[in-house]
Protein backbone atom coordinates (compact mmCIF):
# COMPACT_ATOMS: atom_id res chain seq x y z
CA MET A 1 6.03 -10.51 17.43
CA ASN A 2 8.68 -12.77 18.93
CA GLY A 3 7.87 -14.84 22.02
CA GLU A 4 10.11 -12.81 24.36
CA VAL A 5 8.40 -9.51 23.53
CA LEU A 6 4.95 -11.11 23.88
CA THR A 7 5.90 -12.60 27.27
CA GLN A 8 7.22 -9.22 28.48
CA ARG A 9 3.99 -7.49 27.35
CA ARG A 10 1.83 -10.05 29.17
CA GLN A 11 3.90 -9.79 32.36
CA SER A 12 3.71 -5.99 32.22
CA ALA A 13 -0.07 -6.14 31.64
CA GLU A 14 -0.50 -8.37 34.69
CA ILE A 15 1.03 -5.71 36.94
CA GLY A 16 -0.70 -2.79 35.18
CA VAL A 17 2.37 -1.32 33.47
CA VAL A 18 1.94 0.77 30.35
CA THR A 19 4.38 -0.40 27.70
CA GLN A 20 5.40 0.97 24.33
CA ALA A 21 4.15 -1.10 21.41
CA ARG A 22 4.76 -1.07 17.71
CA LEU A 23 1.62 -1.09 15.56
CA GLY A 24 2.90 -4.19 13.80
CA ASP A 25 3.06 -6.02 17.13
CA VAL A 26 -0.62 -5.51 17.92
CA CYS A 27 -2.11 -5.64 14.39
CA GLU A 28 -1.82 -7.67 11.24
CA LEU A 29 -1.24 -5.15 8.42
CA ASN A 30 -2.77 -5.78 5.02
CA MET A 31 -1.72 -3.15 2.48
CA GLY A 32 -4.27 -2.58 -0.28
CA GLN A 33 -3.75 -3.24 -3.96
CA SER A 34 -5.93 -2.03 -6.80
CA PRO A 35 -7.63 -4.75 -8.85
CA GLU A 36 -8.04 -4.56 -12.61
CA SER A 37 -10.24 -1.59 -13.50
CA ALA A 38 -12.40 -3.85 -15.70
CA SER A 39 -13.64 -5.54 -12.49
CA TYR A 40 -15.15 -2.29 -11.10
CA ASN A 41 -18.91 -1.75 -11.24
CA THR A 42 -21.70 0.31 -9.72
CA VAL A 43 -24.36 -2.41 -9.79
CA THR A 44 -23.29 -4.02 -6.47
CA GLU A 45 -21.63 -7.02 -8.12
CA GLY A 46 -18.91 -8.44 -5.88
CA LEU A 47 -17.43 -6.76 -2.82
CA PRO A 48 -17.60 -3.05 -1.95
CA PHE A 49 -14.33 -1.49 -3.16
CA TYR A 50 -12.66 1.32 -1.25
CA GLN A 51 -9.76 3.03 -2.97
CA GLY A 52 -9.06 5.61 -0.28
CA ASN A 53 -10.62 7.94 2.23
CA ALA A 54 -13.05 9.49 -0.30
CA ASP A 55 -15.48 6.72 0.69
CA PHE A 56 -15.03 7.28 4.44
CA GLY A 57 -17.80 8.42 6.73
CA PRO A 58 -17.55 9.40 10.38
CA ILE A 59 -16.98 5.76 11.45
CA TYR A 60 -17.78 3.47 8.48
CA PRO A 61 -17.23 3.83 4.73
CA THR A 62 -20.09 4.09 2.24
CA PRO A 63 -19.65 2.04 -0.96
CA ARG A 64 -19.87 3.77 -4.33
CA VAL A 65 -18.00 1.14 -6.36
CA TRP A 66 -17.90 -2.66 -6.18
CA CYS A 67 -15.33 -5.15 -7.47
CA ASN A 68 -15.95 -8.66 -8.77
CA SER A 69 -12.23 -9.63 -8.82
CA PRO A 70 -10.80 -8.38 -5.52
CA VAL A 71 -7.06 -8.63 -4.88
CA LYS A 72 -6.76 -7.45 -1.27
CA ILE A 73 -9.64 -7.99 1.16
CA ALA A 74 -10.48 -6.48 4.54
CA GLU A 75 -12.88 -8.17 6.90
CA ALA A 76 -15.69 -6.63 8.94
CA GLY A 77 -14.17 -5.04 12.04
CA ASP A 78 -10.79 -4.29 10.47
CA LEU A 79 -9.50 -0.76 10.85
CA LEU A 80 -9.11 0.96 7.49
CA VAL A 81 -6.26 3.49 7.35
CA SER A 82 -5.61 5.88 4.51
CA VAL A 83 -1.95 5.43 3.56
CA ARG A 84 -1.72 8.13 0.89
CA ALA A 85 -3.06 11.59 0.16
CA PRO A 86 -4.01 12.08 2.99
CA ILE A 87 -2.28 9.74 5.40
CA GLY A 88 -4.08 8.76 8.58
CA ALA A 89 -7.82 9.01 7.87
CA LEU A 90 -9.56 6.13 9.71
CA ASN A 91 -12.72 4.07 9.43
CA PHE A 92 -13.89 0.62 10.49
CA ALA A 93 -14.87 -1.89 7.81
CA ASN A 94 -18.49 -2.80 8.52
CA GLU A 95 -18.46 -5.64 6.00
CA ARG A 96 -16.04 -7.69 3.95
CA CYS A 97 -14.58 -5.39 1.28
CA CYS A 98 -11.86 -4.94 -1.32
CA ILE A 99 -9.18 -2.35 -0.53
CA GLY A 100 -7.17 -0.39 -3.07
CA ARG A 101 -3.62 0.91 -2.77
CA GLY A 102 -4.70 4.05 -0.90
CA LEU A 103 -5.71 1.97 2.15
CA ALA A 104 -4.36 -0.54 4.61
CA ALA A 105 -6.51 -2.86 6.71
CA LEU A 106 -5.41 -3.45 10.28
CA ARG A 107 -6.68 -6.53 12.05
CA VAL A 108 -6.17 -5.96 15.75
CA LYS A 109 -4.86 -9.00 17.58
CA PRO A 110 -6.94 -10.46 20.45
CA ASP A 111 -4.73 -9.06 23.22
CA SER A 112 -5.54 -5.46 22.19
CA ASP A 113 -8.73 -3.44 21.82
CA SER A 114 -9.58 -2.21 18.30
CA LYS A 115 -11.26 0.99 19.53
CA PHE A 116 -8.20 1.84 21.64
CA ILE A 117 -5.94 1.28 18.62
CA TYR A 118 -8.29 3.50 16.57
CA TYR A 119 -7.92 6.34 19.08
CA ALA A 120 -4.16 5.76 19.38
CA LEU A 121 -3.85 6.15 15.61
CA LYS A 122 -6.10 9.22 15.57
CA SER A 123 -3.78 10.84 18.11
CA ASN A 124 -0.73 10.00 15.97
CA VAL A 125 -1.84 11.37 12.58
CA THR A 126 0.94 13.98 12.65
CA GLU A 127 3.53 11.25 13.25
CA LEU A 128 2.04 9.10 10.47
CA ASN A 129 2.24 12.05 8.06
CA ALA A 130 5.84 12.71 9.07
CA ARG A 131 6.67 9.13 8.07
CA GLY A 132 5.18 9.60 4.60
CA THR A 133 7.38 9.94 1.55
CA GLY A 134 6.84 11.13 -2.00
CA SER A 135 7.10 14.41 -3.89
CA THR A 136 3.64 14.72 -5.44
CA PHE A 137 1.48 12.66 -3.08
CA LYS A 138 2.79 11.52 0.29
CA ALA A 139 2.37 7.84 1.13
CA ILE A 140 3.39 5.69 4.07
CA SER A 141 4.97 2.25 3.60
CA LYS A 142 4.03 -0.90 5.45
CA LYS A 143 7.37 -0.81 7.27
CA ALA A 144 6.87 2.80 8.42
CA LEU A 145 3.26 2.12 9.48
CA SER A 146 4.21 -1.08 11.27
CA SER A 147 6.97 0.59 13.29
CA LEU A 148 4.75 3.36 14.74
CA LEU A 149 5.24 3.37 18.52
CA PHE A 150 2.51 4.28 21.02
CA PRO A 151 1.75 3.64 24.70
CA LEU A 152 -0.16 0.40 25.28
CA PRO A 153 -1.75 -0.11 28.70
CA PRO A 154 -3.20 -3.45 29.82
CA LEU A 155 -6.26 -4.65 27.89
CA ALA A 156 -8.78 -3.74 30.63
CA ASP A 157 -7.38 -0.19 30.69
CA GLN A 158 -7.49 0.01 26.89
CA ARG A 159 -11.19 -0.86 26.97
CA ARG A 160 -11.90 1.63 29.77
CA ILE A 161 -10.05 4.42 27.93
CA ALA A 162 -11.78 3.65 24.62
CA THR A 163 -15.19 3.69 26.31
CA LYS A 164 -14.49 7.09 27.88
CA LEU A 165 -13.26 8.46 24.55
CA ASP A 166 -16.39 7.15 22.82
CA ARG A 167 -18.53 9.03 25.35
CA LEU A 168 -16.51 12.24 24.91
CA CYS A 169 -16.78 12.00 21.11
CA ASP A 170 -20.57 11.57 21.44
CA VAL A 171 -20.75 14.72 23.59
CA VAL A 172 -18.64 16.67 21.08
CA ALA A 173 -20.84 15.48 18.18
CA LYS A 174 -24.01 16.54 20.03
CA ARG A 175 -22.53 19.95 20.84
CA LYS A 176 -21.54 20.46 17.19
CA GLN A 177 -25.09 19.57 16.15
CA GLN A 178 -26.48 22.04 18.69
CA LEU A 179 -24.12 24.74 17.41
CA VAL A 180 -25.31 24.19 13.83
CA GLN A 181 -28.94 24.42 14.98
CA LEU A 182 -28.17 27.63 16.89
CA GLN A 183 -26.40 29.13 13.86
CA GLN A 184 -29.42 28.29 11.68
CA LEU A 185 -31.78 29.87 14.22
CA VAL A 186 -29.70 33.06 14.41
CA LYS A 187 -29.49 33.22 10.63
CA SER A 188 -33.27 32.77 10.21
CA ARG A 189 -33.97 35.44 12.84
CA PHE A 190 -31.52 37.79 11.12
CA VAL A 191 -33.33 37.24 7.80
CA GLU A 192 -36.74 37.85 9.48
CA ALA A 193 -35.49 41.10 11.03
CA ALA A 194 -34.13 42.40 7.72
């Protein structure tokens, strides 16, 4: 980000103005690259290796494969974004890991909140997919990912918004769990009555 844009963002933040930001202005983008397949293993030798969203959980990935010769590395706290088939799945790296070509690692810069950026990306999955190219499997380039625009309020507001969204997501998760339990209860009662 050039100095003029950064100065304008800081001045806008001081007076509480919501600005438009490009993802590349608020994050360092590290596009994944697959290491040699001979370096893969399942005996936990080296770093956890994530090739794409198949390893993703609700918030953090779960390792199935490790790599003892990593090429591209994400650090704990980086946002992991699926950049191909499908585009836009998100997780946070909970440890240092190797990332394959199906992922990008976003390191959020100090003047932005990583949880806010996470939610901003979640709300822009349709736009990310629209930027994808390819006939068999869609993929998004670093340039297309970096140029994604989204509203960026001052840092204190980002944190407040992210906290509220965290709470809402917790409520939704609890309600989903209650619905599953209710469905199981209804099913068991239906079986008993039969």
